[in-house]
Amino acid sequence: TSEKIKNLKPVNMEGWKYKLYSRVIVKSYPIRFLWKKVRHCLGK
């Protein structure tokens, strides 16, 4: 609501937690890709 939105705080996209997340998610792509393929094959 208009009252509650004043108290909301956005995720800090300049903070170390977000920067670490974005780098880990990009660097871990090969592992995540392999995991998705294995999961898909096991499902089949």
ModelCIF file with pLDDT and N, C-alpha, C, O atoms, coordinates in Angstrom:
data_MODEL
#
_entry.id   MODEL 
#
_entity.id                         1 
_entity.type                       polymer 
_entity.pdbx_number_of_molecules   1 
#
_entity_poly.entity_id                      1 
_entity_poly.type                           'polypeptide(L)' 
_entity_poly.nstd_linkage                   no 
_entity_poly.nstd_monomer                   no 
_entity_poly.pdbx_seq_one_letter_code       TSEKIKNLKPVNMEGWKYKLYSRVIVKSYPIRFLWKKVRHCLGK 
_entity_poly.pdbx_seq_one_letter_code_can   TSEKIKNLKPVNMEGWKYKLYSRVIVKSYPIRFLWKKVRHCLGK 
_entity_poly.pdbx_strand_id                 A 
#
loop_
_entity_poly_seq.entity_id 
_entity_poly_seq.num 
_entity_poly_seq.mon_id 
_entity_poly_seq.hetero 
1 1  THR n 
1 2  SER n 
1 3  GLU n 
1 4  LYS n 
1 5  ILE n 
1 6  LYS n 
1 7  ASN n 
1 8  LEU n 
1 9  LYS n 
1 10 PRO n 
1 11 VAL n 
1 12 ASN n 
1 13 MET n 
1 14 GLU n 
1 15 GLY n 
1 16 TRP n 
1 17 LYS n 
1 18 TYR n 
1 19 LYS n 
1 20 LEU n 
1 21 TYR n 
1 22 SER n 
1 23 ARG n 
1 24 VAL n 
1 25 ILE n 
1 26 VAL n 
1 27 LYS n 
1 28 SER n 
1 29 TYR n 
1 30 PRO n 
1 31 ILE n 
1 32 ARG n 
1 33 PHE n 
1 34 LEU n 
1 35 TRP n 
1 36 LYS n 
1 37 LYS n 
1 38 VAL n 
1 39 ARG n 
1 40 HIS n 
1 41 CYS n 
1 42 LEU n 
1 43 GLY n 
1 44 LYS n 
#
_struct_asym.id          A 
_struct_asym.entity_id   1 
#
loop_
_ma_qa_metric.id 
_ma_qa_metric.mode 
_ma_qa_metric.name 
_ma_qa_metric.software_group_id 
_ma_qa_metric.type 
1 global pLDDT . pLDDT 
2 local  pLDDT . pLDDT 
#
_ma_qa_metric_global.metric_id      1 
_ma_qa_metric_global.metric_value   86.18 
_ma_qa_metric_global.model_id       1 
_ma_qa_metric_global.ordinal_id     1 
#
loop_
_ma_qa_metric_local.label_asym_id 
_ma_qa_metric_local.label_comp_id 
_ma_qa_metric_local.label_seq_id 
_ma_qa_metric_local.metric_id 
_ma_qa_metric_local.metric_value 
_ma_qa_metric_local.model_id 
_ma_qa_metric_local.ordinal_id 
A THR 1  2 52.00 1 1  
A SER 2  2 49.00 1 2  
A GLU 3  2 56.00 1 3  
A LYS 4  2 56.00 1 4  
A ILE 5  2 57.00 1 5  
A LYS 6  2 62.00 1 6  
A ASN 7  2 69.00 1 7  
A LEU 8  2 77.00 1 8  
A LYS 9  2 81.00 1 9  
A PRO 10 2 86.00 1 10 
A VAL 11 2 87.00 1 11 
A ASN 12 2 87.00 1 12 
A MET 13 2 89.00 1 13 
A GLU 14 2 89.00 1 14 
A GLY 15 2 91.00 1 15 
A TRP 16 2 94.00 1 16 
A LYS 17 2 93.00 1 17 
A TYR 18 2 93.00 1 18 
A LYS 19 2 95.00 1 19 
A LEU 20 2 96.00 1 20 
A TYR 21 2 94.00 1 21 
A SER 22 2 95.00 1 22 
A ARG 23 2 95.00 1 23 
A VAL 24 2 95.00 1 24 
A ILE 25 2 94.00 1 25 
A VAL 26 2 94.00 1 26 
A LYS 27 2 95.00 1 27 
A SER 28 2 94.00 1 28 
A TYR 29 2 93.00 1 29 
A PRO 30 2 93.00 1 30 
A ILE 31 2 94.00 1 31 
A ARG 32 2 91.00 1 32 
A PHE 33 2 91.00 1 33 
A LEU 34 2 94.00 1 34 
A TRP 35 2 92.00 1 35 
A LYS 36 2 89.00 1 36 
A LYS 37 2 91.00 1 37 
A VAL 38 2 94.00 1 38 
A ARG 39 2 92.00 1 39 
A HIS 40 2 92.00 1 40 
A CYS 41 2 93.00 1 41 
A LEU 42 2 94.00 1 42 
A GLY 43 2 93.00 1 43 
A LYS 44 2 91.00 1 44 
#
loop_
_atom_site.group_PDB 
_atom_site.id 
_atom_site.type_symbol 
_atom_site.label_atom_id 
_atom_site.label_alt_id 
_atom_site.label_comp_id 
_atom_site.label_asym_id 
_atom_site.label_entity_id 
_atom_site.label_seq_id 
_atom_site.pdbx_PDB_ins_code 
_atom_site.Cartn_x 
_atom_site.Cartn_y 
_atom_site.Cartn_z 
_atom_site.occupancy 
_atom_site.B_iso_or_equiv 
_atom_site.pdbx_formal_charge 
_atom_site.auth_seq_id 
_atom_site.auth_comp_id 
_atom_site.auth_asym_id 
_atom_site.auth_atom_id 
_atom_site.pdbx_PDB_model_num 
ATOM 1   N N  . THR A 1 1  ? 0.867  -1.175  0.000   1.00 52.00 ? 1  THR A N  1 
ATOM 2   C CA . THR A 1 1  ? 0.000  0.000   0.000   1.00 52.00 ? 1  THR A CA 1 
ATOM 3   C C  . THR A 1 1  ? 0.899  1.218   0.000   1.00 52.00 ? 1  THR A C  1 
ATOM 4   O O  . THR A 1 1  ? 2.108  1.102   0.202   1.00 52.00 ? 1  THR A O  1 
ATOM 5   N N  . SER A 1 2  ? 0.325  2.374   -0.223  1.00 49.00 ? 2  SER A N  1 
ATOM 6   C CA . SER A 1 2  ? 1.148  3.585   -0.294  1.00 49.00 ? 2  SER A CA 1 
ATOM 7   C C  . SER A 1 2  ? 1.906  3.826   1.006   1.00 49.00 ? 2  SER A C  1 
ATOM 8   O O  . SER A 1 2  ? 3.001  4.388   0.983   1.00 49.00 ? 2  SER A O  1 
ATOM 9   N N  . GLU A 1 3  ? 1.346  3.412   2.131   1.00 56.00 ? 3  GLU A N  1 
ATOM 10  C CA . GLU A 1 3  ? 2.016  3.588   3.411   1.00 56.00 ? 3  GLU A CA 1 
ATOM 11  C C  . GLU A 1 3  ? 3.156  2.585   3.596   1.00 56.00 ? 3  GLU A C  1 
ATOM 12  O O  . GLU A 1 3  ? 4.242  2.938   4.055   1.00 56.00 ? 3  GLU A O  1 
ATOM 13  N N  . LYS A 1 4  ? 2.889  1.329   3.229   1.00 56.00 ? 4  LYS A N  1 
ATOM 14  C CA . LYS A 1 4  ? 3.883  0.283   3.439   1.00 56.00 ? 4  LYS A CA 1 
ATOM 15  C C  . LYS A 1 4  ? 5.033  0.363   2.433   1.00 56.00 ? 4  LYS A C  1 
ATOM 16  O O  . LYS A 1 4  ? 6.152  -0.046  2.745   1.00 56.00 ? 4  LYS A O  1 
ATOM 17  N N  . ILE A 1 5  ? 4.775  0.877   1.244   1.00 57.00 ? 5  ILE A N  1 
ATOM 18  C CA . ILE A 1 5  ? 5.833  0.910   0.223   1.00 57.00 ? 5  ILE A CA 1 
ATOM 19  C C  . ILE A 1 5  ? 6.973  1.843   0.619   1.00 57.00 ? 5  ILE A C  1 
ATOM 20  O O  . ILE A 1 5  ? 8.102  1.675   0.158   1.00 57.00 ? 5  ILE A O  1 
ATOM 21  N N  . LYS A 1 6  ? 6.684  2.823   1.469   1.00 62.00 ? 6  LYS A N  1 
ATOM 22  C CA . LYS A 1 6  ? 7.731  3.735   1.933   1.00 62.00 ? 6  LYS A CA 1 
ATOM 23  C C  . LYS A 1 6  ? 8.779  3.008   2.766   1.00 62.00 ? 6  LYS A C  1 
ATOM 24  O O  . LYS A 1 6  ? 9.942  3.409   2.796   1.00 62.00 ? 6  LYS A O  1 
ATOM 25  N N  . ASN A 1 7  ? 8.367  1.938   3.444   1.00 69.00 ? 7  ASN A N  1 
ATOM 26  C CA . ASN A 1 7  ? 9.272  1.202   4.332   1.00 69.00 ? 7  ASN A CA 1 
ATOM 27  C C  . ASN A 1 7  ? 10.015 0.067   3.638   1.00 69.00 ? 7  ASN A C  1 
ATOM 28  O O  . ASN A 1 7  ? 10.919 -0.530  4.223   1.00 69.00 ? 7  ASN A O  1 
ATOM 29  N N  . LEU A 1 8  ? 9.645  -0.233  2.402   1.00 77.00 ? 8  LEU A N  1 
ATOM 30  C CA . LEU A 1 8  ? 10.321 -1.317  1.684   1.00 77.00 ? 8  LEU A CA 1 
ATOM 31  C C  . LEU A 1 8  ? 11.723 -0.891  1.273   1.00 77.00 ? 8  LEU A C  1 
ATOM 32  O O  . LEU A 1 8  ? 11.951 0.248   0.866   1.00 77.00 ? 8  LEU A O  1 
ATOM 33  N N  . LYS A 1 9  ? 12.653 -1.827  1.388   1.00 81.00 ? 9  LYS A N  1 
ATOM 34  C CA . LYS A 1 9  ? 14.027 -1.563  0.968   1.00 81.00 ? 9  LYS A CA 1 
ATOM 35  C C  . LYS A 1 9  ? 14.360 -2.502  -0.173  1.00 81.00 ? 9  LYS A C  1 
ATOM 36  O O  . LYS A 1 9  ? 14.143 -3.709  -0.069  1.00 81.00 ? 9  LYS A O  1 
ATOM 37  N N  . PRO A 1 10 ? 14.890 -1.957  -1.268  1.00 86.00 ? 10 PRO A N  1 
ATOM 38  C CA . PRO A 1 10 ? 15.253 -2.833  -2.394  1.00 86.00 ? 10 PRO A CA 1 
ATOM 39  C C  . PRO A 1 10 ? 16.487 -3.646  -2.067  1.00 86.00 ? 10 PRO A C  1 
ATOM 40  O O  . PRO A 1 10 ? 17.249 -3.311  -1.161  1.00 86.00 ? 10 PRO A O  1 
ATOM 41  N N  . VAL A 1 11 ? 16.676 -4.723  -2.821  1.00 87.00 ? 11 VAL A N  1 
ATOM 42  C CA . VAL A 1 11 ? 17.909 -5.499  -2.723  1.00 87.00 ? 11 VAL A CA 1 
ATOM 43  C C  . VAL A 1 11 ? 19.039 -4.583  -3.194  1.00 87.00 ? 11 VAL A C  1 
ATOM 44  O O  . VAL A 1 11 ? 18.919 -3.920  -4.224  1.00 87.00 ? 11 VAL A O  1 
ATOM 45  N N  . ASN A 1 12 ? 20.113 -4.552  -2.451  1.00 87.00 ? 12 ASN A N  1 
ATOM 46  C CA . ASN A 1 12 ? 21.246 -3.684  -2.777  1.00 87.00 ? 12 ASN A CA 1 
ATOM 47  C C  . ASN A 1 12 ? 22.045 -4.300  -3.924  1.00 87.00 ? 12 ASN A C  1 
ATOM 48  O O  . ASN A 1 12 ? 22.850 -5.207  -3.712  1.00 87.00 ? 12 ASN A O  1 
ATOM 49  N N  . MET A 1 13 ? 21.818 -3.801  -5.137  1.00 89.00 ? 13 MET A N  1 
ATOM 50  C CA . MET A 1 13 ? 22.507 -4.346  -6.313  1.00 89.00 ? 13 MET A CA 1 
ATOM 51  C C  . MET A 1 13 ? 23.954 -3.878  -6.413  1.00 89.00 ? 13 MET A C  1 
ATOM 52  O O  . MET A 1 13 ? 24.683 -4.306  -7.307  1.00 89.00 ? 13 MET A O  1 
ATOM 53  N N  . GLU A 1 14 ? 24.373 -3.008  -5.509  1.00 89.00 ? 14 GLU A N  1 
ATOM 54  C CA . GLU A 1 14 ? 25.773 -2.574  -5.462  1.00 89.00 ? 14 GLU A CA 1 
ATOM 55  C C  . GLU A 1 14 ? 26.509 -3.232  -4.299  1.00 89.00 ? 14 GLU A C  1 
ATOM 56  O O  . GLU A 1 14 ? 27.716 -3.051  -4.142  1.00 89.00 ? 14 GLU A O  1 
ATOM 57  N N  . GLY A 1 15 ? 25.784 -3.992  -3.486  1.00 91.00 ? 15 GLY A N  1 
ATOM 58  C CA . GLY A 1 15 ? 26.380 -4.634  -2.318  1.00 91.00 ? 15 GLY A CA 1 
ATOM 59  C C  . GLY A 1 15 ? 27.143 -5.902  -2.665  1.00 91.00 ? 15 GLY A C  1 
ATOM 60  O O  . GLY A 1 15 ? 27.002 -6.442  -3.762  1.00 91.00 ? 15 GLY A O  1 
ATOM 61  N N  . TRP A 1 16 ? 27.940 -6.367  -1.735  1.00 94.00 ? 16 TRP A N  1 
ATOM 62  C CA . TRP A 1 16 ? 28.796 -7.522  -1.980  1.00 94.00 ? 16 TRP A CA 1 
ATOM 63  C C  . TRP A 1 16 ? 27.993 -8.810  -2.158  1.00 94.00 ? 16 TRP A C  1 
ATOM 64  O O  . TRP A 1 16 ? 28.404 -9.690  -2.914  1.00 94.00 ? 16 TRP A O  1 
ATOM 65  N N  . LYS A 1 17 ? 26.852 -8.934  -1.473  1.00 93.00 ? 17 LYS A N  1 
ATOM 66  C CA . LYS A 1 17 ? 26.059 -10.164 -1.591  1.00 93.00 ? 17 LYS A CA 1 
ATOM 67  C C  . LYS A 1 17 ? 25.515 -10.332 -3.007  1.00 93.00 ? 17 LYS A C  1 
ATOM 68  O O  . LYS A 1 17 ? 25.589 -11.417 -3.585  1.00 93.00 ? 17 LYS A O  1 
ATOM 69  N N  . TYR A 1 18 ? 24.970 -9.251  -3.560  1.00 93.00 ? 18 TYR A N  1 
ATOM 70  C CA . TYR A 1 18 ? 24.432 -9.333  -4.924  1.00 93.00 ? 18 TYR A CA 1 
ATOM 71  C C  . TYR A 1 18 ? 25.555 -9.548  -5.930  1.00 93.00 ? 18 TYR A C  1 
ATOM 72  O O  . TYR A 1 18 ? 25.413 -10.351 -6.852  1.00 93.00 ? 18 TYR A O  1 
ATOM 73  N N  . LYS A 1 19 ? 26.654 -8.849  -5.766  1.00 95.00 ? 19 LYS A N  1 
ATOM 74  C CA . LYS A 1 19 ? 27.783 -9.001  -6.690  1.00 95.00 ? 19 LYS A CA 1 
ATOM 75  C C  . LYS A 1 19 ? 28.339 -10.419 -6.645  1.00 95.00 ? 19 LYS A C  1 
ATOM 76  O O  . LYS A 1 19 ? 28.685 -10.989 -7.680  1.00 95.00 ? 19 LYS A O  1 
ATOM 77  N N  . LEU A 1 20 ? 28.423 -10.984 -5.451  1.00 96.00 ? 20 LEU A N  1 
ATOM 78  C CA . LEU A 1 20 ? 28.885 -12.367 -5.319  1.00 96.00 ? 20 LEU A CA 1 
ATOM 79  C C  . LEU A 1 20 ? 27.899 -13.304 -6.005  1.00 96.00 ? 20 LEU A C  1 
ATOM 80  O O  . LEU A 1 20 ? 28.308 -14.196 -6.748  1.00 96.00 ? 20 LEU A O  1 
ATOM 81  N N  . TYR A 1 21 ? 26.606 -13.110 -5.764  1.00 94.00 ? 21 TYR A N  1 
ATOM 82  C CA . TYR A 1 21 ? 25.583 -13.950 -6.392  1.00 94.00 ? 21 TYR A CA 1 
ATOM 83  C C  . TYR A 1 21 ? 25.706 -13.913 -7.915  1.00 94.00 ? 21 TYR A C  1 
ATOM 84  O O  . TYR A 1 21 ? 25.723 -14.961 -8.561  1.00 94.00 ? 21 TYR A O  1 
ATOM 85  N N  . SER A 1 22 ? 25.792 -12.706 -8.493  1.00 95.00 ? 22 SER A N  1 
ATOM 86  C CA . SER A 1 22 ? 25.813 -12.585 -9.954  1.00 95.00 ? 22 SER A CA 1 
ATOM 87  C C  . SER A 1 22 ? 27.054 -13.244 -10.551 1.00 95.00 ? 22 SER A C  1 
ATOM 88  O O  . SER A 1 22 ? 26.987 -13.825 -11.635 1.00 95.00 ? 22 SER A O  1 
ATOM 89  N N  . ARG A 1 23 ? 28.160 -13.160 -9.867  1.00 95.00 ? 23 ARG A N  1 
ATOM 90  C CA . ARG A 1 23 ? 29.372 -13.791 -10.372 1.00 95.00 ? 23 ARG A CA 1 
ATOM 91  C C  . ARG A 1 23 ? 29.313 -15.320 -10.228 1.00 95.00 ? 23 ARG A C  1 
ATOM 92  O O  . ARG A 1 23 ? 29.728 -16.047 -11.131 1.00 95.00 ? 23 ARG A O  1 
ATOM 93  N N  . VAL A 1 24 ? 28.801 -15.795 -9.102  1.00 95.00 ? 24 VAL A N  1 
ATOM 94  C CA . VAL A 1 24 ? 28.680 -17.239 -8.888  1.00 95.00 ? 24 VAL A CA 1 
ATOM 95  C C  . VAL A 1 24 ? 27.710 -17.843 -9.902  1.00 95.00 ? 24 VAL A C  1 
ATOM 96  O O  . VAL A 1 24 ? 27.974 -18.913 -10.451 1.00 95.00 ? 24 VAL A O  1 
ATOM 97  N N  . ILE A 1 25 ? 26.594 -17.168 -10.152 1.00 94.00 ? 25 ILE A N  1 
ATOM 98  C CA . ILE A 1 25 ? 25.588 -17.717 -11.072 1.00 94.00 ? 25 ILE A CA 1 
ATOM 99  C C  . ILE A 1 25 ? 26.151 -17.806 -12.497 1.00 94.00 ? 25 ILE A C  1 
ATOM 100 O O  . ILE A 1 25 ? 25.827 -18.743 -13.226 1.00 94.00 ? 25 ILE A O  1 
ATOM 101 N N  . VAL A 1 26 ? 26.972 -16.862 -12.895 1.00 94.00 ? 26 VAL A N  1 
ATOM 102 C CA . VAL A 1 26 ? 27.567 -16.902 -14.236 1.00 94.00 ? 26 VAL A CA 1 
ATOM 103 C C  . VAL A 1 26 ? 28.693 -17.936 -14.296 1.00 94.00 ? 26 VAL A C  1 
ATOM 104 O O  . VAL A 1 26 ? 28.771 -18.712 -15.248 1.00 94.00 ? 26 VAL A O  1 
ATOM 105 N N  . LYS A 1 27 ? 29.555 -17.951 -13.294 1.00 95.00 ? 27 LYS A N  1 
ATOM 106 C CA . LYS A 1 27 ? 30.702 -18.873 -13.297 1.00 95.00 ? 27 LYS A CA 1 
ATOM 107 C C  . LYS A 1 27 ? 30.273 -20.332 -13.116 1.00 95.00 ? 27 LYS A C  1 
ATOM 108 O O  . LYS A 1 27 ? 30.951 -21.237 -13.602 1.00 95.00 ? 27 LYS A O  1 
ATOM 109 N N  . SER A 1 28 ? 29.158 -20.568 -12.423 1.00 94.00 ? 28 SER A N  1 
ATOM 110 C CA . SER A 1 28 ? 28.728 -21.943 -12.149 1.00 94.00 ? 28 SER A CA 1 
ATOM 111 C C  . SER A 1 28 ? 27.897 -22.531 -13.285 1.00 94.00 ? 28 SER A C  1 
ATOM 112 O O  . SER A 1 28 ? 27.362 -23.631 -13.145 1.00 94.00 ? 28 SER A O  1 
ATOM 113 N N  . TYR A 1 29 ? 27.778 -21.830 -14.394 1.00 93.00 ? 29 TYR A N  1 
ATOM 114 C CA . TYR A 1 29 ? 26.951 -22.299 -15.496 1.00 93.00 ? 29 TYR A CA 1 
ATOM 115 C C  . TYR A 1 29 ? 27.284 -23.724 -15.937 1.00 93.00 ? 29 TYR A C  1 
ATOM 116 O O  . TYR A 1 29 ? 26.359 -24.522 -16.090 1.00 93.00 ? 29 TYR A O  1 
ATOM 117 N N  . PRO A 1 30 ? 28.547 -24.089 -16.150 1.00 93.00 ? 30 PRO A N  1 
ATOM 118 C CA . PRO A 1 30 ? 28.820 -25.460 -16.610 1.00 93.00 ? 30 PRO A CA 1 
ATOM 119 C C  . PRO A 1 30 ? 28.277 -26.529 -15.654 1.00 93.00 ? 30 PRO A C  1 
ATOM 120 O O  . PRO A 1 30 ? 27.765 -27.557 -16.098 1.00 93.00 ? 30 PRO A O  1 
ATOM 121 N N  . ILE A 1 31 ? 28.387 -26.293 -14.368 1.00 94.00 ? 31 ILE A N  1 
ATOM 122 C CA . ILE A 1 31 ? 27.880 -27.247 -13.377 1.00 94.00 ? 31 ILE A CA 1 
ATOM 123 C C  . ILE A 1 31 ? 26.357 -27.295 -13.427 1.00 94.00 ? 31 ILE A C  1 
ATOM 124 O O  . ILE A 1 31 ? 25.763 -28.372 -13.409 1.00 94.00 ? 31 ILE A O  1 
ATOM 125 N N  . ARG A 1 32 ? 25.731 -26.123 -13.490 1.00 91.00 ? 32 ARG A N  1 
ATOM 126 C CA . ARG A 1 32 ? 24.263 -26.069 -13.546 1.00 91.00 ? 32 ARG A CA 1 
ATOM 127 C C  . ARG A 1 32 ? 23.752 -26.704 -14.832 1.00 91.00 ? 32 ARG A C  1 
ATOM 128 O O  . ARG A 1 32 ? 22.729 -27.388 -14.808 1.00 91.00 ? 32 ARG A O  1 
ATOM 129 N N  . PHE A 1 33 ? 24.437 -26.497 -15.951 1.00 91.00 ? 33 PHE A N  1 
ATOM 130 C CA . PHE A 1 33 ? 24.054 -27.089 -17.233 1.00 91.00 ? 33 PHE A CA 1 
ATOM 131 C C  . PHE A 1 33 ? 24.114 -28.617 -17.142 1.00 91.00 ? 33 PHE A C  1 
ATOM 132 O O  . PHE A 1 33 ? 23.181 -29.309 -17.548 1.00 91.00 ? 33 PHE A O  1 
ATOM 133 N N  . LEU A 1 34 ? 25.212 -29.125 -16.607 1.00 94.00 ? 34 LEU A N  1 
ATOM 134 C CA . LEU A 1 34 ? 25.367 -30.572 -16.451 1.00 94.00 ? 34 LEU A CA 1 
ATOM 135 C C  . LEU A 1 34 ? 24.278 -31.143 -15.541 1.00 94.00 ? 34 LEU A C  1 
ATOM 136 O O  . LEU A 1 34 ? 23.698 -32.185 -15.845 1.00 94.00 ? 34 LEU A O  1 
ATOM 137 N N  . TRP A 1 35 ? 24.001 -30.464 -14.434 1.00 92.00 ? 35 TRP A N  1 
ATOM 138 C CA . TRP A 1 35 ? 22.965 -30.916 -13.506 1.00 92.00 ? 35 TRP A CA 1 
ATOM 139 C C  . TRP A 1 35 ? 21.600 -30.980 -14.197 1.00 92.00 ? 35 TRP A C  1 
ATOM 140 O O  . TRP A 1 35 ? 20.858 -31.943 -14.002 1.00 92.00 ? 35 TRP A O  1 
ATOM 141 N N  . LYS A 1 36 ? 21.265 -29.979 -14.992 1.00 89.00 ? 36 LYS A N  1 
ATOM 142 C CA . LYS A 1 36 ? 19.974 -29.982 -15.698 1.00 89.00 ? 36 LYS A CA 1 
ATOM 143 C C  . LYS A 1 36 ? 19.893 -31.134 -16.692 1.00 89.00 ? 36 LYS A C  1 
ATOM 144 O O  . LYS A 1 36 ? 18.844 -31.763 -16.828 1.00 89.00 ? 36 LYS A O  1 
ATOM 145 N N  . LYS A 1 37 ? 20.997 -31.414 -17.391 1.00 91.00 ? 37 LYS A N  1 
ATOM 146 C CA . LYS A 1 37 ? 21.014 -32.519 -18.352 1.00 91.00 ? 37 LYS A CA 1 
ATOM 147 C C  . LYS A 1 37 ? 20.856 -33.869 -17.636 1.00 91.00 ? 37 LYS A C  1 
ATOM 148 O O  . LYS A 1 37 ? 20.093 -34.726 -18.082 1.00 91.00 ? 37 LYS A O  1 
ATOM 149 N N  . VAL A 1 38 ? 21.575 -34.051 -16.532 1.00 94.00 ? 38 VAL A N  1 
ATOM 150 C CA . VAL A 1 38 ? 21.471 -35.291 -15.767 1.00 94.00 ? 38 VAL A CA 1 
ATOM 151 C C  . VAL A 1 38 ? 20.050 -35.468 -15.244 1.00 94.00 ? 38 VAL A C  1 
ATOM 152 O O  . VAL A 1 38 ? 19.482 -36.556 -15.341 1.00 94.00 ? 38 VAL A O  1 
ATOM 153 N N  . ARG A 1 39 ? 19.476 -34.407 -14.692 1.00 92.00 ? 39 ARG A N  1 
ATOM 154 C CA . ARG A 1 39 ? 18.104 -34.464 -14.176 1.00 92.00 ? 39 ARG A CA 1 
ATOM 155 C C  . ARG A 1 39 ? 17.120 -34.820 -15.276 1.00 92.00 ? 39 ARG A C  1 
ATOM 156 O O  . ARG A 1 39 ? 16.197 -35.606 -15.063 1.00 92.00 ? 39 ARG A O  1 
ATOM 157 N N  . HIS A 1 40 ? 17.317 -34.240 -16.453 1.00 92.00 ? 40 HIS A N  1 
ATOM 158 C CA . HIS A 1 40 ? 16.444 -34.517 -17.592 1.00 92.00 ? 40 HIS A CA 1 
ATOM 159 C C  . HIS A 1 40 ? 16.535 -36.001 -17.989 1.00 92.00 ? 40 HIS A C  1 
ATOM 160 O O  . HIS A 1 40 ? 15.514 -36.651 -18.212 1.00 92.00 ? 40 HIS A O  1 
ATOM 161 N N  . CYS A 1 41 ? 17.750 -36.521 -18.072 1.00 93.00 ? 41 CYS A N  1 
ATOM 162 C CA . CYS A 1 41 ? 17.943 -37.929 -18.445 1.00 93.00 ? 41 CYS A CA 1 
ATOM 163 C C  . CYS A 1 41 ? 17.349 -38.866 -17.397 1.00 93.00 ? 41 CYS A C  1 
ATOM 164 O O  . CYS A 1 41 ? 16.711 -39.859 -17.748 1.00 93.00 ? 41 CYS A O  1 
ATOM 165 N N  . LEU A 1 42 ? 17.549 -38.565 -16.125 1.00 94.00 ? 42 LEU A N  1 
ATOM 166 C CA . LEU A 1 42 ? 16.969 -39.393 -15.060 1.00 94.00 ? 42 LEU A CA 1 
ATOM 167 C C  . LEU A 1 42 ? 15.448 -39.369 -15.118 1.00 94.00 ? 42 LEU A C  1 
ATOM 168 O O  . LEU A 1 42 ? 14.799 -40.384 -14.866 1.00 94.00 ? 42 LEU A O  1 
ATOM 169 N N  . GLY A 1 43 ? 14.880 -38.218 -15.448 1.00 93.00 ? 43 GLY A N  1 
ATOM 170 C CA . GLY A 1 43 ? 13.431 -38.112 -15.591 1.00 93.00 ? 43 GLY A CA 1 
ATOM 171 C C  . GLY A 1 43 ? 12.914 -38.968 -16.733 1.00 93.00 ? 43 GLY A C  1 
ATOM 172 O O  . GLY A 1 43 ? 11.864 -39.601 -16.614 1.00 93.00 ? 43 GLY A O  1 
ATOM 173 N N  . LYS A 1 44 ? 13.648 -38.991 -17.843 1.00 91.00 ? 44 LYS A N  1 
ATOM 174 C CA . LYS A 1 44 ? 13.252 -39.829 -18.982 1.00 91.00 ? 44 LYS A CA 1 
ATOM 175 C C  . LYS A 1 44 ? 13.296 -41.309 -18.611 1.00 91.00 ? 44 LYS A C  1 
ATOM 176 O O  . LYS A 1 44 ? 12.994 -42.163 -19.444 1.00 91.00 ? 44 LYS A O  1 
#
